[in-house]
């Protein structure tokens, strides 16, 4: 799929996102994509692995789940807000997708697998060559994290994001996003040796929760303890999502040569995980490394 076609799919995704509470037709998607209805649907399926209407249904159910979890509203109101014809039809679709009725989820919002698609412009990067890097600004700051716990999903041998995606169900991110008690957004983590179990991966994905978390542990996930830690946060410049490979790579390479002692700190990589936030072009790539203050 070429760049022009990916841009067309990205426009369709944006249209769906911004019109998720109104009827959406294939003719609408054809119009914003610039392709015929047949070719628009074909390109969409190729880029997202979902037909447009399956994608729309999953997006609506996930947005409905967020409303049930976070807002004081009735199941019927949510069903109508997200273009379901009836309470019964919404309940059947919700139960079939998430494994519990919307009424039960509203009263006890356990982690479920929300649909979290990626923009079609965010293509999988290849190995970076030896092209010279442009000089860009990377912002740094120190933040503190309290003693807490984290719900994580381990892989097998993965040492990075793309290896991990090959080993683990890609829907894991949606499950992590649904954790109501989350302290922060889900992250990718490079675990210190003390937290790596035999025959499991260095890289995991997880979400941090309070130390007294008692919300249950979904099947396949594990609850671990993270000690109080200081982090040096590195944040690159905002970028177009189609260029994320270049911008993410530049921040990662800059961190490798960074000397925290210039600011009175030292790396403390065995004290806590290194964390990678989801790459989102509007804010720049963000990575967090544990540090300790020099005395």
Protein backbone atom coordinates (compact mmCIF):
# COMPACT_ATOMS: atom_id res chain seq x y z
CA UNK A 1 0.00 0.00 0.00
CA UNK A 2 1.47 3.36 -1.00
CA UNK A 3 1.46 6.61 0.95
CA UNK A 4 -1.48 8.11 -0.94
CA UNK A 5 -3.62 5.06 -0.13
CA UNK A 6 -2.61 5.13 3.54
CA UNK A 7 -3.53 8.80 3.66
CA UNK A 8 -6.95 7.91 2.25
CA UNK A 9 -7.47 5.26 4.95
CA UNK A 10 -6.30 7.71 7.60
CA UNK A 11 -8.91 10.22 6.40
CA UNK A 12 -11.58 7.55 6.69
CA UNK A 13 -10.42 6.70 10.22
CA UNK A 14 -10.55 10.38 11.19
CA UNK A 15 -14.06 10.70 9.74
CA UNK A 16 -15.21 7.69 11.76
CA UNK A 17 -13.66 9.07 14.94
CA UNK A 18 -15.25 12.50 14.56
CA UNK A 19 -18.68 11.17 13.51
CA UNK A 20 -18.87 8.13 15.78
CA UNK A 21 -22.19 9.30 17.31
CA UNK A 22 -23.93 9.80 13.96
CA UNK A 23 -24.78 7.38 11.13
CA UNK A 24 -21.81 6.64 8.84
CA UNK A 25 -22.24 5.14 5.39
CA UNK A 26 -19.79 3.64 2.93
CA UNK A 27 -20.69 6.54 0.65
CA UNK A 28 -19.43 8.94 3.35
CA UNK A 29 -16.13 7.06 3.58
CA UNK A 30 -15.84 6.94 -0.19
CA UNK A 31 -16.25 10.70 -0.34
CA UNK A 32 -13.55 11.50 2.24
CA UNK A 33 -11.14 8.92 0.80
CA UNK A 34 -11.42 9.99 -2.82
CA UNK A 35 -11.97 6.40 -3.95
CA UNK A 36 -15.03 4.49 -5.10
CA UNK A 37 -17.00 2.71 -2.37
CA UNK A 38 -15.59 -0.64 -3.47
CA UNK A 39 -11.95 0.52 -3.47
CA UNK A 40 -12.39 2.53 -0.26
CA UNK A 41 -13.66 -0.58 1.55
CA UNK A 42 -10.88 -2.73 0.08
CA UNK A 43 -8.13 -0.31 1.10
CA UNK A 44 -9.62 0.10 4.56
CA UNK A 45 -9.67 -3.66 5.16
CA UNK A 46 -6.10 -4.02 3.87
CA UNK A 47 -4.78 -1.29 6.19
CA UNK A 48 -6.75 -2.06 9.37
CA UNK A 49 -7.64 -5.78 9.06
CA UNK A 50 -11.28 -4.80 9.62
CA UNK A 51 -14.12 -3.98 7.28
CA UNK A 52 -15.31 -0.38 7.70
CA UNK A 53 -18.52 -1.43 9.44
CA UNK A 54 -16.83 -3.88 11.80
CA UNK A 55 -14.35 -1.11 12.65
CA UNK A 56 -17.19 1.37 13.26
CA UNK A 57 -19.07 -1.12 15.46
CA UNK A 58 -15.97 -1.83 17.56
CA UNK A 59 -15.22 1.88 17.92
CA UNK A 60 -18.80 2.61 19.01
CA UNK A 61 -18.84 -0.19 21.55
CA UNK A 62 -15.54 0.98 23.02
CA UNK A 63 -16.70 4.59 23.26
CA UNK A 64 -19.93 3.33 24.83
CA UNK A 65 -17.91 1.36 27.38
CA UNK A 66 -15.95 4.51 28.26
CA UNK A 67 -19.21 6.39 28.81
CA UNK A 68 -20.61 3.63 31.01
CA UNK A 69 -17.39 3.56 33.05
CA UNK A 70 -16.89 7.29 33.48
CA UNK A 71 -20.28 9.00 33.22
CA UNK A 72 -23.48 8.95 35.25
CA UNK A 73 -25.76 7.89 32.40
CA UNK A 74 -28.17 5.07 31.66
CA UNK A 75 -27.48 2.08 29.43
CA UNK A 76 -30.33 3.15 27.13
CA UNK A 77 -28.95 6.67 26.76
CA UNK A 78 -25.51 5.31 25.88
CA UNK A 79 -27.03 2.89 23.37
CA UNK A 80 -28.86 5.71 21.62
CA UNK A 81 -25.85 8.05 21.78
CA UNK A 82 -23.82 5.54 19.80
CA UNK A 83 -26.43 4.81 17.12
CA UNK A 84 -27.82 1.52 18.41
CA UNK A 85 -31.50 1.06 17.62
CA UNK A 86 -32.49 -0.45 20.95
CA UNK A 87 -31.41 -1.33 24.46
CA UNK A 88 -31.64 -5.03 23.55
CA UNK A 89 -29.52 -4.74 20.41
CA UNK A 90 -26.85 -2.77 22.25
CA UNK A 91 -26.81 -5.26 25.14
CA UNK A 92 -26.37 -8.21 22.76
CA UNK A 93 -23.54 -6.51 20.86
CA UNK A 94 -21.81 -5.34 24.04
CA UNK A 95 -22.09 -8.75 25.72
CA UNK A 96 -20.85 -10.60 22.64
CA UNK A 97 -17.83 -8.29 22.31
CA UNK A 98 -16.79 -7.84 25.95
CA UNK A 99 -18.17 -10.92 27.68
CA UNK A 100 -20.49 -9.13 30.12
CA UNK A 101 -23.67 -7.09 29.94
CA UNK A 102 -23.39 -3.28 29.85
CA UNK A 103 -25.46 -3.04 33.04
CA UNK A 104 -22.94 -5.26 34.86
CA UNK A 105 -20.00 -3.34 33.43
CA UNK A 106 -21.46 -0.04 34.57
CA UNK A 107 -21.88 -1.29 38.14
CA UNK A 108 -18.49 -3.03 38.24
CA UNK A 109 -16.14 -1.79 35.46
CA UNK A 110 -13.57 -4.58 35.32
CA UNK A 111 -10.80 -4.43 32.66
CA UNK A 112 -12.12 -5.41 29.22
CA UNK A 113 -10.57 -5.38 25.75
CA UNK A 114 -11.34 -1.94 24.33
CA UNK A 115 -10.74 -1.47 20.61
CA UNK A 116 -7.63 0.66 20.09
CA UNK A 117 -6.77 0.92 16.38
CA UNK A 118 -3.62 2.57 15.01
CA UNK A 119 -3.65 5.27 12.37
CA UNK A 120 -2.95 3.88 8.90
CA UNK A 121 -0.11 6.36 8.48
CA UNK A 122 1.83 4.78 11.33
CA UNK A 123 3.51 2.08 9.23
CA UNK A 124 5.80 -0.48 10.84
CA UNK A 125 9.35 0.88 10.75
CA UNK A 126 12.23 -0.92 9.13
CA UNK A 127 15.77 -0.88 10.41
CA UNK A 128 17.12 2.62 10.31
CA UNK A 129 20.05 3.26 8.04
CA UNK A 130 22.96 5.60 8.50
CA UNK A 131 21.23 8.76 7.26
CA UNK A 132 22.40 11.82 9.19
CA UNK A 133 20.03 12.97 11.92
CA UNK A 134 18.61 16.48 11.96
CA UNK A 135 19.13 18.48 15.13
CA UNK A 136 15.84 18.77 17.02
CA UNK A 137 14.93 19.85 20.54
CA UNK A 138 14.43 17.15 23.17
CA UNK A 139 12.85 18.33 26.42
CA UNK A 140 13.79 16.75 29.76
CA UNK A 141 12.32 16.91 33.24
CA UNK A 142 12.44 14.94 36.50
CA UNK A 143 9.23 13.42 37.89
CA UNK A 144 8.54 11.28 40.94
CA UNK A 145 6.47 8.10 41.06
CA UNK A 146 5.14 6.70 44.37
CA UNK A 147 5.26 3.07 45.38
CA UNK A 148 2.59 1.43 43.28
CA UNK A 149 1.64 -1.70 41.39
CA UNK A 150 1.31 -2.46 37.70
CA UNK A 151 -0.83 -4.81 35.68
CA UNK A 152 1.48 -6.22 32.99
CA UNK A 153 1.40 -8.71 30.15
CA UNK A 154 4.68 -10.58 29.67
CA UNK A 155 5.96 -11.78 26.32
CA UNK A 156 8.38 -14.61 25.62
CA UNK A 157 11.69 -13.22 24.36
CA UNK A 158 10.82 -9.70 23.18
CA UNK A 159 13.32 -6.91 23.85
CA UNK A 160 11.28 -4.20 22.11
CA UNK A 161 7.90 -3.10 20.85
CA UNK A 162 7.72 -4.81 17.47
CA UNK A 163 9.01 -8.17 18.74
CA UNK A 164 6.47 -7.92 21.55
CA UNK A 165 3.62 -7.32 19.07
CA UNK A 166 4.55 -10.58 17.32
CA UNK A 167 4.37 -12.51 20.60
CA UNK A 168 1.33 -10.99 22.31
CA UNK A 169 -2.31 -10.40 21.37
CA UNK A 170 -2.42 -6.87 19.88
CA UNK A 171 -5.70 -6.22 21.74
CA UNK A 172 -3.76 -6.10 25.03
CA UNK A 173 -3.48 -2.30 24.75
CA UNK A 174 -7.25 -1.90 24.69
CA UNK A 175 -7.50 -4.05 27.82
CA UNK A 176 -4.95 -1.87 29.62
CA UNK A 177 -6.76 1.31 28.54
CA UNK A 178 -9.96 0.06 30.16
CA UNK A 179 -8.50 -0.19 33.69
CA UNK A 180 -10.52 2.37 35.63
CA UNK A 181 -8.06 2.58 38.53
CA UNK A 182 -5.09 3.40 36.27
CA UNK A 183 -2.81 6.10 37.67
CA UNK A 184 -1.46 7.04 34.26
CA UNK A 185 -1.80 5.92 30.64
CA UNK A 186 -0.57 2.45 29.60
CA UNK A 187 3.11 2.15 28.71
CA UNK A 188 5.64 -0.21 27.24
CA UNK A 189 8.24 -1.20 29.86
CA UNK A 190 11.77 -2.54 29.74
CA UNK A 191 11.90 -4.38 33.05
CA UNK A 192 14.91 -4.42 35.36
CA UNK A 193 16.42 -7.88 35.88
CA UNK A 194 14.78 -8.19 39.31
CA UNK A 195 11.32 -8.15 37.72
CA UNK A 196 12.00 -10.51 34.81
CA UNK A 197 10.82 -14.09 35.29
CA UNK A 198 12.69 -17.01 33.69
CA UNK A 199 11.77 -17.55 30.03
CA UNK A 200 9.87 -14.27 29.77
CA UNK A 201 10.53 -11.06 27.87
CA UNK A 202 12.48 -7.99 28.91
CA UNK A 203 9.86 -5.77 27.25
CA UNK A 204 6.26 -5.85 28.47
CA UNK A 205 3.22 -3.62 28.29
CA UNK A 206 1.29 -2.57 31.36
CA UNK A 207 -0.54 0.09 33.30
CA UNK A 208 0.30 1.43 36.76
CA UNK A 209 -2.34 1.27 39.49
CA UNK A 210 -2.41 2.29 43.18
CA UNK A 211 -0.47 0.17 45.64
CA UNK A 212 -3.74 -0.87 47.31
CA UNK A 213 -5.33 -1.88 43.98
CA UNK A 214 -7.96 -4.61 44.39
CA UNK A 215 -9.75 -4.40 41.05
CA UNK A 216 -8.89 -7.92 39.97
CA UNK A 217 -6.30 -9.28 37.55
CA UNK A 218 -7.58 -10.22 34.07
CA UNK A 219 -6.57 -13.62 32.73
CA UNK A 220 -3.10 -13.53 31.21
CA UNK A 221 -2.02 -10.43 33.12
CA UNK A 222 0.07 -10.22 36.28
CA UNK A 223 0.17 -7.73 39.13
CA UNK A 224 3.68 -6.60 40.13
CA UNK A 225 4.97 -4.10 42.69
CA UNK A 226 6.95 -1.05 41.62
CA UNK A 227 8.94 0.80 44.25
CA UNK A 228 9.05 4.58 44.61
CA UNK A 229 11.25 5.99 41.85
CA UNK A 230 12.54 9.16 40.22
CA UNK A 231 12.34 9.37 36.43
CA UNK A 232 14.07 11.52 33.86
CA UNK A 233 11.53 12.14 31.10
CA UNK A 234 12.66 12.71 27.51
CA UNK A 235 10.14 14.26 25.11
CA UNK A 236 10.82 14.90 21.44
CA UNK A 237 9.23 17.47 19.17
CA UNK A 238 5.72 16.95 17.74
CA UNK A 239 5.71 15.20 14.38
CA UNK A 240 3.45 13.99 11.60
CA UNK A 241 2.39 10.39 12.31
CA UNK A 242 3.74 9.28 8.94
CA UNK A 243 7.25 10.25 10.17
CA UNK A 244 7.15 8.60 13.57
CA UNK A 245 9.96 6.16 12.74
CA UNK A 246 12.42 9.01 12.24
CA UNK A 247 11.38 11.07 15.24
CA UNK A 248 11.17 8.13 17.67
CA UNK A 249 14.57 6.89 16.50
CA UNK A 250 16.17 10.28 17.05
CA UNK A 251 14.96 10.50 20.65
CA UNK A 252 16.10 6.92 21.38
CA UNK A 253 19.54 7.61 19.92
CA UNK A 254 19.88 10.86 21.87
CA UNK A 255 19.10 9.07 25.14
CA UNK A 256 21.90 6.56 24.52
CA UNK A 257 24.52 9.32 24.63
CA UNK A 258 22.90 11.49 27.30
CA UNK A 259 24.84 12.05 30.52
CA UNK A 260 22.46 12.65 33.46
CA UNK A 261 25.40 13.58 35.71
CA UNK A 262 25.41 16.98 34.01
CA UNK A 263 22.29 17.67 36.07
CA UNK A 264 23.27 15.86 39.25
CA UNK A 265 21.72 12.46 38.52
CA UNK A 266 22.84 8.96 37.62
CA UNK A 267 21.01 6.18 35.79
CA UNK A 268 19.22 3.76 38.13
CA UNK A 269 18.05 1.15 35.63
CA UNK A 270 17.76 -1.65 38.20
CA UNK A 271 15.44 0.36 40.43
CA UNK A 272 12.43 0.60 38.10
CA UNK A 273 11.33 -0.11 34.52
CA UNK A 274 12.24 2.15 31.62
CA UNK A 275 8.88 3.33 30.25
CA UNK A 276 7.83 4.12 26.69
CA UNK A 277 4.59 6.07 26.18
CA UNK A 278 2.47 5.41 23.14
CA UNK A 279 3.93 7.42 20.22
CA UNK A 280 1.49 10.21 19.38
CA UNK A 281 2.64 12.82 16.91
CA UNK A 282 0.84 15.79 18.48
CA UNK A 283 2.96 15.57 21.66
CA UNK A 284 6.21 14.02 20.43
CA UNK A 285 7.75 10.72 21.48
CA UNK A 286 8.17 10.28 25.26
CA UNK A 287 10.45 7.86 27.11
CA UNK A 288 11.11 7.72 30.88
CA UNK A 289 14.32 6.42 32.50
CA UNK A 290 14.79 5.82 36.26
CA UNK A 291 17.49 7.92 37.88
CA UNK A 292 18.88 8.65 41.33
CA UNK A 293 20.18 11.95 42.66
CA UNK A 294 23.92 12.13 43.21
CA UNK A 295 25.02 13.05 46.71
